[in-house]
Amino acid sequence: MYTLEQFLANGQSLVVYRGNEVVFSSESSDLRPLMEFIDGAEEECGELTLFDKYVGRAAGLLMALIKPRLVYAGIISEGGIETLEKYAIPFEAVRRVRYLMGMASDDMCQWEKMSLGKSPGQFWELLKTMGDATTQK
């Protein structure tokens, strides 16, 4: 399995392990990788470890749907920390920031704004109803 430093050097945005086996990886941006993984995931995901470049509140809510055993993040926002802690998902991060603005976006990310006040299921349903709009920046 990767170390967080190896993951950050490889250019991928999301890598999902089940045990020591990579079951998903992506270089796509925004929430697309997580959405793609969740959409294709089995009902019971098993013991997953996620490596994600940027984790905000929105990504945290999506992660709560699959309940990974551990999340490694390059950068995590305060909203991401709050969400992962709320859903008892352990994490390690290289850097903690107030918002992902200036990192993954220029302002509070649109996904974080949309996720405010939503449960994981509510946010997932909202994203699914948006369809192709979720693949745009």
C-alpha atoms as a PDB file:
ATOM      1  CA  MET A   1       0.000   0.000   0.000  1.00  0.00           C
ATOM      2  CA  TYR A   2       1.076   3.590  -0.651  1.00  0.00           C
ATOM      3  CA  THR A   3       2.322   5.981   1.916  1.00  0.00           C
ATOM      4  CA  LEU A   4       0.629   9.379   1.826  1.00  0.00           C
ATOM      5  CA  GLU A   5       3.813  10.914   0.419  1.00  0.00           C
ATOM      6  CA  GLN A   6       3.934   8.339  -2.420  1.00  0.00           C
ATOM      7  CA  PHE A   7       0.280   9.002  -3.232  1.00  0.00           C
ATOM      8  CA  LEU A   8       0.803  12.768  -3.400  1.00  0.00           C
ATOM      9  CA  ALA A   9       3.768  12.288  -5.740  1.00  0.00           C
ATOM     10  CA  ASN A  10       1.925   9.990  -8.174  1.00  0.00           C
ATOM     11  CA  GLY A  11      -0.433  12.541  -9.757  1.00  0.00           C
ATOM     12  CA  GLN A  12      -3.661  10.729  -8.957  1.00  0.00           C
ATOM     13  CA  SER A  13      -6.528  12.453  -7.183  1.00  0.00           C
ATOM     14  CA  LEU A  14      -8.094   9.371  -5.560  1.00  0.00           C
ATOM     15  CA  VAL A  15      -6.881   5.848  -4.860  1.00  0.00           C
ATOM     16  CA  VAL A  16      -9.061   3.302  -3.048  1.00  0.00           C
ATOM     17  CA  TYR A  17      -7.574   0.200  -1.447  1.00  0.00           C
ATOM     18  CA  ARG A  18      -9.388  -2.855  -0.140  1.00  0.00           C
ATOM     19  CA  GLY A  19      -6.749  -4.480   2.023  1.00  0.00           C
ATOM     20  CA  ASN A  20      -3.524  -4.194  -0.011  1.00  0.00           C
ATOM     21  CA  GLU A  21      -5.264  -4.207  -3.396  1.00  0.00           C
ATOM     22  CA  VAL A  22      -6.051  -1.068  -5.407  1.00  0.00           C
ATOM     23  CA  VAL A  23      -9.730  -1.344  -6.371  1.00  0.00           C
ATOM     24  CA  PHE A  24     -10.118   2.139  -7.873  1.00  0.00           C
ATOM     25  CA  SER A  25      -7.943   5.063  -8.938  1.00  0.00           C
ATOM     26  CA  SER A  26      -8.531   8.292 -10.802  1.00  0.00           C
ATOM     27  CA  GLU A  27      -6.791  11.439 -11.962  1.00  0.00           C
ATOM     28  CA  SER A  28     -10.086  13.349 -12.377  1.00  0.00           C
ATOM     29  CA  SER A  29     -10.785  16.452 -10.332  1.00  0.00           C
ATOM     30  CA  ASP A  30     -13.536  17.674  -8.037  1.00  0.00           C
ATOM     31  CA  LEU A  31     -15.939  15.055  -6.666  1.00  0.00           C
ATOM     32  CA  ARG A  32     -15.985  12.997  -9.865  1.00  0.00           C
ATOM     33  CA  PRO A  33     -13.651  10.224  -8.636  1.00  0.00           C
ATOM     34  CA  LEU A  34     -15.580   9.658  -5.401  1.00  0.00           C
ATOM     35  CA  MET A  35     -18.917   9.790  -7.210  1.00  0.00           C
ATOM     36  CA  GLU A  36     -17.708   7.318  -9.828  1.00  0.00           C
ATOM     37  CA  PHE A  37     -16.433   4.934  -7.156  1.00  0.00           C
ATOM     38  CA  ILE A  38     -19.611   5.156  -5.063  1.00  0.00           C
ATOM     39  CA  ASP A  39     -21.829   4.725  -8.119  1.00  0.00           C
ATOM     40  CA  GLY A  40     -20.023   1.500  -9.041  1.00  0.00           C
ATOM     41  CA  ALA A  41     -19.459   0.237  -5.498  1.00  0.00           C
ATOM     42  CA  GLU A  42     -21.065  -2.888  -4.136  1.00  0.00           C
ATOM     43  CA  GLU A  43     -23.673  -2.497  -1.421  1.00  0.00           C
ATOM     44  CA  GLU A  44     -21.097  -3.545   1.196  1.00  0.00           C
ATOM     45  CA  CYS A  45     -17.738  -1.950   0.388  1.00  0.00           C
ATOM     46  CA  GLY A  46     -15.650  -3.793   2.971  1.00  0.00           C
ATOM     47  CA  GLU A  47     -12.517  -2.465   4.606  1.00  0.00           C
ATOM     48  CA  LEU A  48     -11.441   0.468   2.463  1.00  0.00           C
ATOM     49  CA  THR A  49      -8.555   2.894   2.751  1.00  0.00           C
ATOM     50  CA  LEU A  50      -8.894   6.091   0.718  1.00  0.00           C
ATOM     51  CA  PHE A  51      -6.145   8.394  -0.470  1.00  0.00           C
ATOM     52  CA  ASP A  52      -7.588  11.735  -1.649  1.00  0.00           C
ATOM     53  CA  LYS A  53      -5.723  14.929  -2.591  1.00  0.00           C
ATOM     54  CA  TYR A  54      -8.373  17.304  -1.249  1.00  0.00           C
ATOM     55  CA  VAL A  55     -11.010  16.530   1.355  1.00  0.00           C
ATOM     56  CA  GLY A  56     -13.686  19.087   2.167  1.00  0.00           C
ATOM     57  CA  ARG A  57     -17.116  18.774   3.712  1.00  0.00           C
ATOM     58  CA  ALA A  58     -18.640  17.476   0.452  1.00  0.00           C
ATOM     59  CA  ALA A  59     -16.037  14.725   0.022  1.00  0.00           C
ATOM     60  CA  GLY A  60     -16.413  13.844   3.696  1.00  0.00           C
ATOM     61  CA  LEU A  61     -20.154  13.343   3.254  1.00  0.00           C
ATOM     62  CA  LEU A  62     -19.561  11.066   0.263  1.00  0.00           C
ATOM     63  CA  MET A  63     -16.946   9.124   2.217  1.00  0.00           C
ATOM     64  CA  ALA A  64     -19.472   8.642   5.026  1.00  0.00           C
ATOM     65  CA  LEU A  65     -21.623   6.684   2.556  1.00  0.00           C
ATOM     66  CA  ILE A  66     -18.918   4.038   2.106  1.00  0.00           C
ATOM     67  CA  LYS A  67     -17.476   4.219   5.636  1.00  0.00           C
ATOM     68  CA  PRO A  68     -13.755   3.708   4.943  1.00  0.00           C
ATOM     69  CA  ARG A  69     -11.600   2.459   7.766  1.00  0.00           C
ATOM     70  CA  LEU A  70      -9.083   5.279   7.110  1.00  0.00           C
ATOM     71  CA  VAL A  71      -8.717   8.361   4.904  1.00  0.00           C
ATOM     72  CA  TYR A  72      -5.375   9.885   3.930  1.00  0.00           C
ATOM     73  CA  ALA A  73      -5.571  13.434   2.566  1.00  0.00           C
ATOM     74  CA  GLY A  74      -3.076  15.843   1.129  1.00  0.00           C
ATOM     75  CA  ILE A  75      -5.155  18.831   2.223  1.00  0.00           C
ATOM     76  CA  ILE A  76      -8.252  18.757   4.418  1.00  0.00           C
ATOM     77  CA  SER A  77     -10.565  21.661   5.227  1.00  0.00           C
ATOM     78  CA  GLU A  78     -12.132  22.396   8.590  1.00  0.00           C
ATOM     79  CA  GLY A  79     -15.454  21.232   7.121  1.00  0.00           C
ATOM     80  CA  GLY A  80     -13.829  17.991   6.008  1.00  0.00           C
ATOM     81  CA  ILE A  81     -12.388  17.425   9.479  1.00  0.00           C
ATOM     82  CA  GLU A  82     -15.739  18.149  11.126  1.00  0.00           C
ATOM     83  CA  THR A  83     -17.558  15.765   8.780  1.00  0.00           C
ATOM     84  CA  LEU A  84     -15.104  12.875   9.077  1.00  0.00           C
ATOM     85  CA  GLU A  85     -15.084  13.235  12.859  1.00  0.00           C
ATOM     86  CA  LYS A  86     -18.909  13.368  12.966  1.00  0.00           C
ATOM     87  CA  TYR A  87     -19.104  10.061  11.092  1.00  0.00           C
ATOM     88  CA  ALA A  88     -16.203   8.504  13.078  1.00  0.00           C
ATOM     89  CA  ILE A  89     -13.908   8.139  10.057  1.00  0.00           C
ATOM     90  CA  PRO A  90     -10.236   8.239  11.072  1.00  0.00           C
ATOM     91  CA  PHE A  91      -7.984  10.365   8.889  1.00  0.00           C
ATOM     92  CA  GLU A  92      -4.468  11.677   8.457  1.00  0.00           C
ATOM     93  CA  ALA A  93      -3.664  14.816   6.489  1.00  0.00           C
ATOM     94  CA  VAL A  94      -0.529  16.653   5.498  1.00  0.00           C
ATOM     95  CA  ARG A  95      -2.132  20.089   5.695  1.00  0.00           C
ATOM     96  CA  ARG A  96      -5.257  21.506   7.342  1.00  0.00           C
ATOM     97  CA  VAL A  97      -6.895  24.646   5.991  1.00  0.00           C
ATOM     98  CA  ARG A  98     -10.034  26.643   6.764  1.00  0.00           C
ATOM     99  CA  TYR A  99     -11.445  26.181   3.250  1.00  0.00           C
ATOM    100  CA  LEU A 100     -10.098  24.528   0.146  1.00  0.00           C
ATOM    101  CA  MET A 101     -10.190  27.933  -1.568  1.00  0.00           C
ATOM    102  CA  GLY A 102      -6.870  28.749  -3.122  1.00  0.00           C
ATOM    103  CA  MET A 103      -6.139  25.014  -3.122  1.00  0.00           C
ATOM    104  CA  ALA A 104      -8.827  23.277  -5.158  1.00  0.00           C
ATOM    105  CA  SER A 105     -10.866  26.419  -5.917  1.00  0.00           C
ATOM    106  CA  ASP A 106     -10.731  30.210  -5.594  1.00  0.00           C
ATOM    107  CA  ASP A 107     -13.478  30.476  -2.986  1.00  0.00           C
ATOM    108  CA  MET A 108     -15.431  28.169  -0.694  1.00  0.00           C
ATOM    109  CA  CYS A 109     -15.861  25.343  -3.159  1.00  0.00           C
ATOM    110  CA  GLN A 110     -19.279  25.061  -4.791  1.00  0.00           C
ATOM    111  CA  TRP A 111     -19.602  21.498  -3.505  1.00  0.00           C
ATOM    112  CA  GLU A 112     -18.937  22.577   0.064  1.00  0.00           C
ATOM    113  CA  LYS A 113     -21.612  25.282  -0.237  1.00  0.00           C
ATOM    114  CA  MET A 114     -24.081  22.732  -1.621  1.00  0.00           C
ATOM    115  CA  SER A 115     -23.297  20.232   1.128  1.00  0.00           C
ATOM    116  CA  LEU A 116     -23.984  22.582   4.052  1.00  0.00           C
ATOM    117  CA  GLY A 117     -26.740  21.220   6.276  1.00  0.00           C
ATOM    118  CA  LYS A 118     -27.061  17.965   4.306  1.00  0.00           C
ATOM    119  CA  SER A 119     -26.721  14.370   5.470  1.00  0.00           C
ATOM    120  CA  PRO A 120     -24.575  12.019   3.370  1.00  0.00           C
ATOM    121  CA  GLY A 121     -27.697  10.514   1.763  1.00  0.00           C
ATOM    122  CA  GLN A 122     -29.272  13.890   1.027  1.00  0.00           C
ATOM    123  CA  PHE A 123     -26.085  15.193  -0.555  1.00  0.00           C
ATOM    124  CA  TRP A 124     -25.668  12.042  -2.675  1.00  0.00           C
ATOM    125  CA  GLU A 125     -29.269  12.321  -3.927  1.00  0.00           C
ATOM    126  CA  LEU A 126     -28.717  15.986  -4.788  1.00  0.00           C
ATOM    127  CA  LEU A 127     -25.592  15.145  -6.784  1.00  0.00           C
ATOM    128  CA  LYS A 128     -27.356  12.312  -8.619  1.00  0.00           C
ATOM    129  CA  THR A 129     -30.255  14.585  -9.609  1.00  0.00           C
ATOM    130  CA  MET A 130     -27.778  17.110 -10.997  1.00  0.00           C
ATOM    131  CA  GLY A 131     -26.508  14.484 -13.455  1.00  0.00           C
ATOM    132  CA  ASP A 132     -23.946  15.842 -15.911  1.00  0.00           C
ATOM    133  CA  ALA A 133     -23.796  19.188 -14.101  1.00  0.00           C
ATOM    134  CA  THR A 134     -21.601  17.531 -11.456  1.00  0.00           C
ATOM    135  CA  THR A 135     -18.875  16.909 -14.011  1.00  0.00           C
ATOM    136  CA  GLN A 136     -18.440  20.637 -14.671  1.00  0.00           C
ATOM    137  CA  LYS A 137     -16.219  22.952 -12.698  1.00  0.00           C
END
